[in-house]
PDB file of N, CA and C in Angstrom:
ATOM      1  N   MET A   1       3.105-167.779 -60.019  1.00  0.00           N
ATOM      2  CA  MET A   1       2.427-166.916 -59.089  1.00  0.00           C
ATOM      3  C   MET A   1       3.730-166.178 -58.285  1.00  0.00           C
ATOM      4  N   VAL A   2       4.559-166.754 -58.088  1.00  0.00           N
ATOM      5  CA  VAL A   2       5.752-166.146 -57.497  1.00  0.00           C
ATOM      6  C   VAL A   2       6.451-165.052 -58.423  1.00  0.00           C
ATOM      7  N   LYS A   3       6.580-165.461 -59.623  1.00  0.00           N
ATOM      8  CA  LYS A   3       7.021-164.489 -60.530  1.00  0.00           C
ATOM      9  C   LYS A   3       6.065-163.176 -60.554  1.00  0.00           C
ATOM     10  N   LEU A   4       4.786-163.380 -60.594  1.00  0.00           N
ATOM     11  CA  LEU A   4       3.912-162.243 -60.768  1.00  0.00           C
ATOM     12  C   LEU A   4       3.789-161.345 -59.572  1.00  0.00           C
ATOM     13  N   ALA A   5       4.080-162.013 -58.330  1.00  0.00           N
ATOM     14  CA  ALA A   5       4.111-161.234 -56.952  1.00  0.00           C
ATOM     15  C   ALA A   5       5.575-160.631 -57.061  1.00  0.00           C
ATOM     16  N   ASN A   6       6.736-161.135 -57.522  1.00  0.00           N
ATOM     17  CA  ASN A   6       8.037-160.292 -57.803  1.00  0.00           C
ATOM     18  C   ASN A   6       7.810-159.338 -58.659  1.00  0.00           C
ATOM     19  N   GLU A   7       7.271-159.286 -59.789  1.00  0.00           N
ATOM     20  CA  GLU A   7       7.000-157.962 -60.693  1.00  0.00           C
ATOM     21  C   GLU A   7       6.265-157.034 -60.058  1.00  0.00           C
ATOM     22  N   LEU A   8       5.080-157.289 -59.533  1.00  0.00           N
ATOM     23  CA  LEU A   8       4.169-156.284 -58.639  1.00  0.00           C
ATOM     24  C   LEU A   8       5.143-155.682 -57.606  1.00  0.00           C
ATOM     25  N   PHE A   9       5.748-156.458 -56.801  1.00  0.00           N
ATOM     26  CA  PHE A   9       6.683-155.666 -55.798  1.00  0.00           C
ATOM     27  C   PHE A   9       7.668-155.113 -56.520  1.00  0.00           C
ATOM     28  N   ASN A  10       8.415-155.271 -57.602  1.00  0.00           N
ATOM     29  CA  ASN A  10       9.383-154.438 -58.006  1.00  0.00           C
ATOM     30  C   ASN A  10       8.652-153.160 -58.622  1.00  0.00           C
ATOM     31  N   THR A  11       7.650-153.359 -59.187  1.00  0.00           N
ATOM     32  CA  THR A  11       7.071-152.095 -59.740  1.00  0.00           C
ATOM     33  C   THR A  11       6.455-151.160 -58.660  1.00  0.00           C
ATOM     34  N   ILE A  12       5.817-151.642 -57.593  1.00  0.00           N
ATOM     35  CA  ILE A  12       5.584-150.877 -56.685  1.00  0.00           C
ATOM     36  C   ILE A  12       6.797-150.186 -55.859  1.00  0.00           C
ATOM     37  N   ARG A  13       7.685-150.867 -55.759  1.00  0.00           N
ATOM     38  CA  ARG A  13       9.027-150.335 -55.181  1.00  0.00           C
ATOM     39  C   ARG A  13       9.672-149.168 -56.134  1.00  0.00           C
ATOM     40  N   ASP A  14       9.695-149.488 -57.361  1.00  0.00           N
ATOM     41  CA  ASP A  14      10.120-148.376 -58.247  1.00  0.00           C
ATOM     42  C   ASP A  14       9.255-147.208 -58.108  1.00  0.00           C
ATOM     43  N   ARG A  15       7.841-147.275 -58.227  1.00  0.00           N
ATOM     44  CA  ARG A  15       6.970-146.290 -58.298  1.00  0.00           C
ATOM     45  C   ARG A  15       7.086-145.462 -56.891  1.00  0.00           C
ATOM     46  N   THR A  16       7.234-146.076 -55.862  1.00  0.00           N
ATOM     47  CA  THR A  16       7.484-145.609 -54.532  1.00  0.00           C
ATOM     48  C   THR A  16       8.900-144.689 -54.359  1.00  0.00           C
ATOM     49  N   SER A  17       9.728-145.277 -54.875  1.00  0.00           N
ATOM     50  CA  SER A  17      11.237-144.601 -54.907  1.00  0.00           C
ATOM     51  C   SER A  17      11.122-143.531 -55.860  1.00  0.00           C
ATOM     52  N   LYS A  18      10.499-143.551 -56.906  1.00  0.00           N
ATOM     53  CA  LYS A  18      10.382-142.372 -57.788  1.00  0.00           C
ATOM     54  C   LYS A  18       9.438-141.472 -57.236  1.00  0.00           C
ATOM     55  N   ASN A  19       8.443-141.565 -56.525  1.00  0.00           N
ATOM     56  CA  ASN A  19       7.768-140.479 -55.850  1.00  0.00           C
ATOM     57  C   ASN A  19       8.495-139.956 -54.793  1.00  0.00           C
ATOM     58  N   ILE A  20       9.117-140.639 -54.041  1.00  0.00           N
ATOM     59  CA  ILE A  20       9.936-140.155 -52.659  1.00  0.00           C
ATOM     60  C   ILE A  20      10.934-139.161 -53.353  1.00  0.00           C
ATOM     61  N   LEU A  21      11.649-139.512 -54.561  1.00  0.00           N
ATOM     62  CA  LEU A  21      12.755-138.507 -55.074  1.00  0.00           C
ATOM     63  C   LEU A  21      12.120-137.457 -55.374  1.00  0.00           C
ATOM     64  N   LEU A  22      10.818-137.429 -56.155  1.00  0.00           N
ATOM     65  CA  LEU A  22      10.221-136.310 -56.749  1.00  0.00           C
ATOM     66  C   LEU A  22       9.735-135.293 -55.566  1.00  0.00           C
ATOM     67  N   LYS A  23       9.156-135.845 -54.602  1.00  0.00           N
ATOM     68  CA  LYS A  23       8.878-135.040 -53.493  1.00  0.00           C
ATOM     69  C   LYS A  23       9.808-134.376 -52.782  1.00  0.00           C
ATOM     70  N   SER A  24      10.917-135.037 -52.523  1.00  0.00           N
ATOM     71  CA  SER A  24      12.192-134.571 -51.900  1.00  0.00           C
ATOM     72  C   SER A  24      12.787-133.459 -52.656  1.00  0.00           C
ATOM     73  N   TYR A  25      12.850-133.589 -53.972  1.00  0.00           N
ATOM     74  CA  TYR A  25      13.298-132.695 -54.911  1.00  0.00           C
ATOM     75  C   TYR A  25      12.454-131.337 -54.867  1.00  0.00           C
ATOM     76  N   ASN A  26      11.092-131.617 -54.962  1.00  0.00           N
ATOM     77  CA  ASN A  26      10.265-130.569 -54.803  1.00  0.00           C
ATOM     78  C   ASN A  26      10.195-129.719 -53.395  1.00  0.00           C
ATOM     79  N   PHE A  27      10.656-130.497 -52.460  1.00  0.00           N
ATOM     80  CA  PHE A  27      10.585-129.931 -51.113  1.00  0.00           C
ATOM     81  C   PHE A  27      11.788-128.999 -50.762  1.00  0.00           C
ATOM     82  N   PHE A  28      12.979-129.781 -51.121  1.00  0.00           N
ATOM     83  CA  PHE A  28      14.397-129.130 -50.754  1.00  0.00           C
ATOM     84  C   PHE A  28      15.041-128.272 -51.944  1.00  0.00           C
ATOM     85  N   LEU A  29      14.799-128.750 -53.198  1.00  0.00           N
ATOM     86  CA  LEU A  29      15.660-127.948 -54.138  1.00  0.00           C
ATOM     87  C   LEU A  29      15.065-126.993 -54.939  1.00  0.00           C
ATOM     88  N   VAL A  30      13.645-127.337 -55.139  1.00  0.00           N
ATOM     89  CA  VAL A  30      12.836-126.152 -55.912  1.00  0.00           C
ATOM     90  C   VAL A  30      12.898-124.779 -55.051  1.00  0.00           C
ATOM     91  N   PRO A  31      12.702-124.634 -53.885  1.00  0.00           N
ATOM     92  CA  PRO A  31      13.009-123.215 -53.219  1.00  0.00           C
ATOM     93  C   PRO A  31      14.359-122.822 -53.389  1.00  0.00           C
ATOM     94  N   MET A  32      15.074-123.620 -53.224  1.00  0.00           N
ATOM     95  CA  MET A  32      16.545-123.282 -53.414  1.00  0.00           C
ATOM     96  C   MET A  32      16.756-122.819 -54.854  1.00  0.00           C
ATOM     97  N   GLN A  33      16.595-123.499 -55.791  1.00  0.00           N
ATOM     98  CA  GLN A  33      16.639-123.008 -57.055  1.00  0.00           C
ATOM     99  C   GLN A  33      16.025-121.650 -57.407  1.00  0.00           C
ATOM    100  N   THR A  34      14.937-121.433 -57.025  1.00  0.00           N
ATOM    101  CA  THR A  34      14.242-120.269 -57.094  1.00  0.00           C
ATOM    102  C   THR A  34      15.137-119.149 -56.589  1.00  0.00           C
ATOM    103  N   ASP A  35      15.550-119.272 -55.453  1.00  0.00           N
ATOM    104  CA  ASP A  35      16.275-118.284 -54.780  1.00  0.00           C
ATOM    105  C   ASP A  35      17.649-117.974 -55.543  1.00  0.00           C
ATOM    106  N   LEU A  36      18.292-118.977 -56.057  1.00  0.00           N
ATOM    107  CA  LEU A  36      19.359-119.008 -56.862  1.00  0.00           C
ATOM    108  C   LEU A  36      19.342-118.383 -57.759  1.00  0.00           C
ATOM    109  N   TRP A  37      18.208-118.632 -58.638  1.00  0.00           N
ATOM    110  CA  TRP A  37      17.930-117.996 -59.987  1.00  0.00           C
ATOM    111  C   TRP A  37      17.755-116.504 -59.783  1.00  0.00           C
ATOM    112  N   THR A  38      16.940-116.354 -58.805  1.00  0.00           N
ATOM    113  CA  THR A  38      16.911-114.616 -58.803  1.00  0.00           C
ATOM    114  C   THR A  38      18.212-114.103 -58.339  1.00  0.00           C
ATOM    115  N   GLU A  39      19.055-114.528 -57.525  1.00  0.00           N
ATOM    116  CA  GLU A  39      20.427-114.115 -57.384  1.00  0.00           C
ATOM    117  C   GLU A  39      21.153-113.978 -58.614  1.00  0.00           C
ATOM    118  N   ILE A  40      21.300-114.982 -59.276  1.00  0.00           N
ATOM    119  CA  ILE A  40      22.201-114.927 -60.475  1.00  0.00           C
ATOM    120  C   ILE A  40      21.649-114.017 -61.551  1.00  0.00           C
ATOM    121  N   GLN A  41      20.337-113.870 -61.612  1.00  0.00           N
ATOM    122  CA  GLN A  41      19.682-112.889 -62.539  1.00  0.00           C
ATOM    123  C   GLN A  41      20.020-111.398 -62.243  1.00  0.00           C
ATOM    124  N   GLY A  42      19.961-111.156 -60.664  1.00  0.00           N
ATOM    125  CA  GLY A  42      20.311-109.941 -60.279  1.00  0.00           C
ATOM    126  C   GLY A  42      21.841-109.692 -60.523  1.00  0.00           C
ATOM    127  N   SER A  43      22.641-110.589 -60.439  1.00  0.00           N
ATOM    128  CA  SER A  43      24.199-110.380 -60.731  1.00  0.00           C
ATOM    129  C   SER A  43      24.517-110.125 -61.949  1.00  0.00           C
ATOM    130  N   ILE A  44      23.525-110.787 -63.024  1.00  0.00           N
ATOM    131  CA  ILE A  44      24.071-110.623 -64.401  1.00  0.00           C
ATOM    132  C   ILE A  44      23.349-109.293 -65.061  1.00  0.00           C
ATOM    133  N   THR A  45      22.327-108.868 -64.411  1.00  0.00           N
ATOM    134  CA  THR A  45      21.707-107.648 -64.780  1.00  0.00           C
ATOM    135  C   THR A  45      22.569-106.461 -64.452  1.00  0.00           C
ATOM    136  N   SER A  46      23.429-106.698 -63.401  1.00  0.00           N
ATOM    137  CA  SER A  46      23.922-105.320 -62.822  1.00  0.00           C
ATOM    138  C   SER A  46      25.451-105.314 -63.733  1.00  0.00           C
ATOM    139  N   LEU A  47      25.750-106.330 -64.443  1.00  0.00           N
ATOM    140  CA  LEU A  47      27.000-106.211 -65.250  1.00  0.00           C
ATOM    141  C   LEU A  47      27.058-105.426 -66.431  1.00  0.00           C
ATOM    142  N   SER A  48      28.008-104.885 -66.800  1.00  0.00           N
ATOM    143  CA  SER A  48      28.280-104.039 -68.009  1.00  0.00           C
ATOM    144  C   SER A  48      28.433-105.083 -69.168  1.00  0.00           C
ATOM    145  N   ASP A  49      28.359-104.494 -70.301  1.00  0.00           N
ATOM    146  CA  ASP A  49      28.679-105.010 -71.509  1.00  0.00           C
ATOM    147  C   ASP A  49      30.090-105.826 -71.604  1.00  0.00           C
ATOM    148  N   GLU A  50      30.977-105.165 -71.311  1.00  0.00           N
ATOM    149  CA  GLU A  50      32.356-105.476 -71.370  1.00  0.00           C
ATOM    150  C   GLU A  50      32.526-106.598 -70.358  1.00  0.00           C
ATOM    151  N   GLN A  51      32.062-106.352 -69.187  1.00  0.00           N
ATOM    152  CA  GLN A  51      32.110-107.443 -68.140  1.00  0.00           C
ATOM    153  C   GLN A  51      31.307-108.992 -68.678  1.00  0.00           C
ATOM    154  N   LEU A  52      30.177-108.635 -69.332  1.00  0.00           N
ATOM    155  CA  LEU A  52      29.522-109.753 -69.869  1.00  0.00           C
ATOM    156  C   LEU A  52      30.260-110.525 -70.986  1.00  0.00           C
ATOM    157  N   LEU A  53      30.863-109.757 -71.982  1.00  0.00           N
ATOM    158  CA  LEU A  53      31.763-110.303 -72.824  1.00  0.00           C
ATOM    159  C   LEU A  53      32.831-111.179 -72.520  1.00  0.00           C
ATOM    160  N   GLU A  54      33.484-110.468 -71.343  1.00  0.00           N
ATOM    161  CA  GLU A  54      34.659-111.194 -70.516  1.00  0.00           C
ATOM    162  C   GLU A  54      34.027-112.409 -69.724  1.00  0.00           C
ATOM    163  N   LEU A  55      33.080-112.411 -69.236  1.00  0.00           N
ATOM    164  CA  LEU A  55      32.619-113.474 -68.266  1.00  0.00           C
ATOM    165  C   LEU A  55      32.199-114.603 -69.204  1.00  0.00           C
ATOM    166  N   PHE A  56      31.517-114.462 -70.304  1.00  0.00           N
ATOM    167  CA  PHE A  56      31.097-115.738 -71.086  1.00  0.00           C
ATOM    168  C   PHE A  56      32.144-115.805 -72.294  1.00  0.00           C
ATOM    169  N   GLU A  57      33.192-115.120 -72.312  1.00  0.00           N
ATOM    170  CA  GLU A  57      34.468-115.486 -73.168  1.00  0.00           C
ATOM    171  C   GLU A  57      33.844-115.480 -74.619  1.00  0.00           C
ATOM    172  N   VAL A  58      33.237-114.439 -74.754  1.00  0.00           N
ATOM    173  CA  VAL A  58      32.461-114.160 -76.202  1.00  0.00           C
ATOM    174  C   VAL A  58      33.573-114.137 -77.629  1.00  0.00           C
ATOM    175  N   THR A  59      34.722-113.541 -77.132  1.00  0.00           N
ATOM    176  CA  THR A  59      35.784-113.406 -78.142  1.00  0.00           C
ATOM    177  C   THR A  59      36.309-114.804 -78.590  1.00  0.00           C
ATOM    178  N   ALA A  60      36.566-115.411 -77.571  1.00  0.00           N
ATOM    179  CA  ALA A  60      36.998-116.835 -77.642  1.00  0.00           C
ATOM    180  C   ALA A  60      36.186-117.727 -78.519  1.00  0.00           C
ATOM    181  N   THR A  61      35.085-117.556 -77.882  1.00  0.00           N
ATOM    182  CA  THR A  61      33.987-118.485 -78.605  1.00  0.00           C
ATOM    183  C   THR A  61      33.649-118.325 -80.050  1.00  0.00           C
ATOM    184  N   LYS A  62      33.781-116.742 -80.267  1.00  0.00           N
ATOM    185  CA  LYS A  62      33.608-116.455 -81.879  1.00  0.00           C
ATOM    186  C   LYS A  62      34.681-116.949 -82.729  1.00  0.00           C
ATOM    187  N   GLY A  63      35.715-116.881 -82.101  1.00  0.00           N
ATOM    188  CA  GLY A  63      37.051-117.209 -82.750  1.00  0.00           C
ATOM    189  C   GLY A  63      37.072-118.669 -83.153  1.00  0.00           C
ATOM    190  N   LYS A  64      36.553-119.558 -82.248  1.00  0.00           N
ATOM    191  CA  LYS A  64      36.435-121.067 -82.200  1.00  0.00           C
ATOM    192  C   LYS A  64      35.492-121.209 -83.404  1.00  0.00           C
ATOM    193  N   LEU A  65      34.336-120.475 -83.256  1.00  0.00           N
ATOM    194  CA  LEU A  65      33.156-120.778 -84.121  1.00  0.00           C
ATOM    195  C   LEU A  65      33.478-120.392 -85.649  1.00  0.00           C
ATOM    196  N   GLU A  66      34.283-119.234 -85.711  1.00  0.00           N
ATOM    197  CA  GLU A  66      34.789-118.918 -87.101  1.00  0.00           C
ATOM    198  C   GLU A  66      35.714-120.166 -87.586  1.00  0.00           C
ATOM    199  N   LYS A  67      36.640-120.341 -86.778  1.00  0.00           N
ATOM    200  CA  LYS A  67      37.475-121.515 -87.175  1.00  0.00           C
ATOM    201  C   LYS A  67      36.707-122.704 -87.556  1.00  0.00           C
ATOM    202  N   ASP A  68      35.872-123.176 -86.831  1.00  0.00           N
ATOM    203  CA  ASP A  68      34.954-124.302 -87.381  1.00  0.00           C
ATOM    204  C   ASP A  68      34.191-124.077 -88.517  1.00  0.00           C
ATOM    205  N   LYS A  69      33.807-122.644 -88.751  1.00  0.00           N
ATOM    206  CA  LYS A  69      33.145-122.597 -90.048  1.00  0.00           C
ATOM    207  C   LYS A  69      33.979-122.550 -91.283  1.00  0.00           C
ATOM    208  N   ASN A  70      35.226-122.051 -91.006  1.00  0.00           N
ATOM    209  CA  ASN A  70      36.047-122.271 -92.280  1.00  0.00           C
ATOM    210  C   ASN A  70      36.261-123.688 -92.581  1.00  0.00           C
ATOM    211  N   PHE A  71      36.452-124.557 -91.540  1.00  0.00           N
ATOM    212  CA  PHE A  71      36.872-125.645 -91.979  1.00  0.00           C
ATOM    213  C   PHE A  71      35.757-126.518 -92.654  1.00  0.00           C
ATOM    214  N   ILE A  72      34.616-126.342 -91.993  1.00  0.00           N
ATOM    215  CA  ILE A  72      33.187-127.029 -92.865  1.00  0.00           C
ATOM    216  C   ILE A  72      33.042-126.231 -94.137  1.00  0.00           C
ATOM    217  N   GLU A  73      33.523-125.110 -94.488  1.00  0.00           N
ATOM    218  CA  GLU A  73      33.423-124.397 -95.711  1.00  0.00           C
ATOM    219  C   GLU A  73      34.342-125.366 -96.620  1.00  0.00           C
ATOM    220  N   GLU A  74      35.559-125.512 -96.138  1.00  0.00           N
ATOM    221  CA  GLU A  74      36.592-126.223 -97.132  1.00  0.00           C
ATOM    222  C   GLU A  74      36.213-127.744 -97.056  1.00  0.00           C
ATOM    223  N   VAL A  75      35.444-128.536 -96.385  1.00  0.00           N
ATOM    224  CA  VAL A  75      35.133-129.588 -96.478  1.00  0.00           C
ATOM    225  C   VAL A  75      33.917-129.728 -97.383  1.00  0.00           C
ATOM    226  N   LEU A  76      33.019-128.539 -97.311  1.00  0.00           N
ATOM    227  CA  LEU A  76      31.946-128.618 -98.284  1.00  0.00           C
ATOM    228  C   LEU A  76      32.413-128.307 -99.782  1.00  0.00           C
ATOM    229  N   ALA A  77      33.468-127.363 -99.948  1.00  0.00           N
ATOM    230  CA  ALA A  77      33.756-127.230-101.139  1.00  0.00           C
ATOM    231  C   ALA A  77      34.463-128.400-101.799  1.00  0.00           C
ATOM    232  N   LYS A  78      35.309-129.331-101.127  1.00  0.00           N
ATOM    233  CA  LYS A  78      35.910-130.589-101.384  1.00  0.00           C
ATOM    234  C   LYS A  78      34.786-131.351-101.850  1.00  0.00           C
ATOM    235  N   PHE A  79      33.469-131.625-101.289  1.00  0.00           N
ATOM    236  CA  PHE A  79      32.659-132.575-101.527  1.00  0.00           C
ATOM    237  C   PHE A  79      31.980-132.215-102.693  1.00  0.00           C
ATOM    238  N   GLY A  80      31.817-130.701-102.932  1.00  0.00           N
ATOM    239  CA  GLY A  80      31.043-130.145-104.339  1.00  0.00           C
ATOM    240  C   GLY A  80      31.941-130.530-105.316  1.00  0.00           C
ATOM    241  N   GLU A  81      33.286-130.489-105.279  1.00  0.00           N
ATOM    242  CA  GLU A  81      34.066-130.794-106.431  1.00  0.00           C
ATOM    243  C   GLU A  81      34.008-132.397-106.486  1.00  0.00           C
ATOM    244  N   LYS A  82      34.101-133.234-105.585  1.00  0.00           N
ATOM    245  CA  LYS A  82      33.793-134.606-105.744  1.00  0.00           C
ATOM    246  C   LYS A  82      32.494-134.774-106.579  1.00  0.00           C
ATOM    247  N   GLU A  83      31.507-134.212-106.039  1.00  0.00           N
ATOM    248  CA  GLU A  83      30.038-134.321-106.532  1.00  0.00           C
ATOM    249  C   GLU A  83      30.062-133.996-107.947  1.00  0.00           C
ATOM    250  N   THR A  84      30.716-132.931-108.461  1.00  0.00           N
ATOM    251  CA  THR A  84      30.775-132.527-109.637  1.00  0.00           C
ATOM    252  C   THR A  84      31.359-133.594-110.524  1.00  0.00           C
ATOM    253  N   ALA A  85      32.663-134.132-110.084  1.00  0.00           N
ATOM    254  CA  ALA A  85      33.384-135.033-110.924  1.00  0.00           C
ATOM    255  C   ALA A  85      32.493-136.536-111.009  1.00  0.00           C
ATOM    256  N   PHE A  86      31.829-136.729-110.105  1.00  0.00           N
ATOM    257  CA  PHE A  86      30.903-137.861-109.890  1.00  0.00           C
ATOM    258  C   PHE A  86      29.865-137.776-110.942  1.00  0.00           C
ATOM    259  N   MET A  87      29.272-136.655-110.803  1.00  0.00           N
ATOM    260  CA  MET A  87      28.127-136.251-111.961  1.00  0.00           C
ATOM    261  C   MET A  87      28.777-136.332-113.459  1.00  0.00           C
ATOM    262  N   GLU A  88      29.949-135.795-113.597  1.00  0.00           N
ATOM    263  CA  GLU A  88      30.555-135.856-114.973  1.00  0.00           C
ATOM    264  C   GLU A  88      30.697-137.472-115.377  1.00  0.00           C
ATOM    265  N   LEU A  89      31.413-138.306-114.469  1.00  0.00           N
ATOM    266  CA  LEU A  89      31.511-139.753-114.672  1.00  0.00           C
ATOM    267  C   LEU A  89      30.387-140.427-114.993  1.00  0.00           C
ATOM    268  N   THR A  90      29.417-140.020-114.048  1.00  0.00           N
ATOM    269  CA  THR A  90      28.018-140.799-114.350  1.00  0.00           C
ATOM    270  C   THR A  90      27.384-140.435-115.572  1.00  0.00           C
ATOM    271  N   SER A  91      27.548-139.286-116.064  1.00  0.00           N
ATOM    272  CA  SER A  91      27.115-138.853-117.485  1.00  0.00           C
ATOM    273  C   SER A  91      27.710-139.789-118.403  1.00  0.00           C
ATOM    274  N   ALA A  92      29.178-139.778-118.403  1.00  0.00           N
ATOM    275  CA  ALA A  92      30.191-140.556-119.333  1.00  0.00           C
ATOM    276  C   ALA A  92      29.589-141.950-119.300  1.00  0.00           C
ATOM    277  N   PHE A  93      29.459-142.353-117.970  1.00  0.00           N
ATOM    278  CA  PHE A  93      29.155-144.044-118.015  1.00  0.00           C
ATOM    279  C   PHE A  93      27.845-144.404-118.586  1.00  0.00           C
ATOM    280  N   SER A  94      26.733-143.457-118.425  1.00  0.00           N
ATOM    281  CA  SER A  94      25.631-143.572-119.121  1.00  0.00           C
ATOM    282  C   SER A  94      25.863-143.625-120.603  1.00  0.00           C
ATOM    283  N   LYS A  95      26.717-142.856-121.315  1.00  0.00           N
ATOM    284  CA  LYS A  95      26.933-142.871-122.568  1.00  0.00           C
ATOM    285  C   LYS A  95      27.863-143.908-122.994  1.00  0.00           C
ATOM    286  N   GLY A  96      28.418-144.434-122.123  1.00  0.00           N
ATOM    287  CA  GLY A  96      29.338-145.705-122.413  1.00  0.00           C
ATOM    288  C   GLY A  96      30.860-145.159-122.730  1.00  0.00           C
ATOM    289  N   SER A  97      31.154-144.299-122.481  1.00  0.00           N
ATOM    290  CA  SER A  97      32.582-143.623-122.746  1.00  0.00           C
ATOM    291  C   SER A  97      33.391-143.295-121.599  1.00  0.00           C
ATOM    292  N   VAL A  98      33.579-144.102-120.610  1.00  0.00           N
ATOM    293  CA  VAL A  98      34.200-143.996-119.297  1.00  0.00           C
ATOM    294  C   VAL A  98      35.582-144.294-119.487  1.00  0.00           C
ATOM    295  N   ASN A  99      36.626-143.232-119.453  1.00  0.00           N
ATOM    296  CA  ASN A  99      38.124-143.341-119.567  1.00  0.00           C
ATOM    297  C   ASN A  99      38.833-142.619-118.321  1.00  0.00           C
ATOM    298  N   ALA A 100      37.916-142.172-117.301  1.00  0.00           N
ATOM    299  CA  ALA A 100      38.673-141.419-116.350  1.00  0.00           C
ATOM    300  C   ALA A 100      38.728-142.231-115.094  1.00  0.00           C
ATOM    301  N   GLU A 101      39.600-141.651-114.285  1.00  0.00           N
ATOM    302  CA  GLU A 101      39.992-142.558-113.060  1.00  0.00           C
ATOM    303  C   GLU A 101      39.814-141.390-112.021  1.00  0.00           C
ATOM    304  N   PHE A 102      39.307-142.181-110.554  1.00  0.00           N
ATOM    305  CA  PHE A 102      38.909-141.378-109.359  1.00  0.00           C
ATOM    306  C   PHE A 102      40.297-140.945-109.005  1.00  0.00           C
TER     307      PHE A 102
END
């Protein structure tokens, strides 16, 4: 009986806490977010393309992504070579003439 009462109390306490947090969020933060979003959107739309490129560091991001792409292509090529070698060895193994080493 005590265990059941304890579980009910914890459930009610958790639900009440969650509801208080949600109401506080809706009352205090949502209006602030709306005003902030309008302000940010107004600031961004007034920037030129060059300013946007600089602000969001597009050139640096493109360079990093290109570097990552090249690395992934190299890894993919190595795995392709290994897959080809594996397929050749598998074929040779199924024929019973395996003399190759990895």
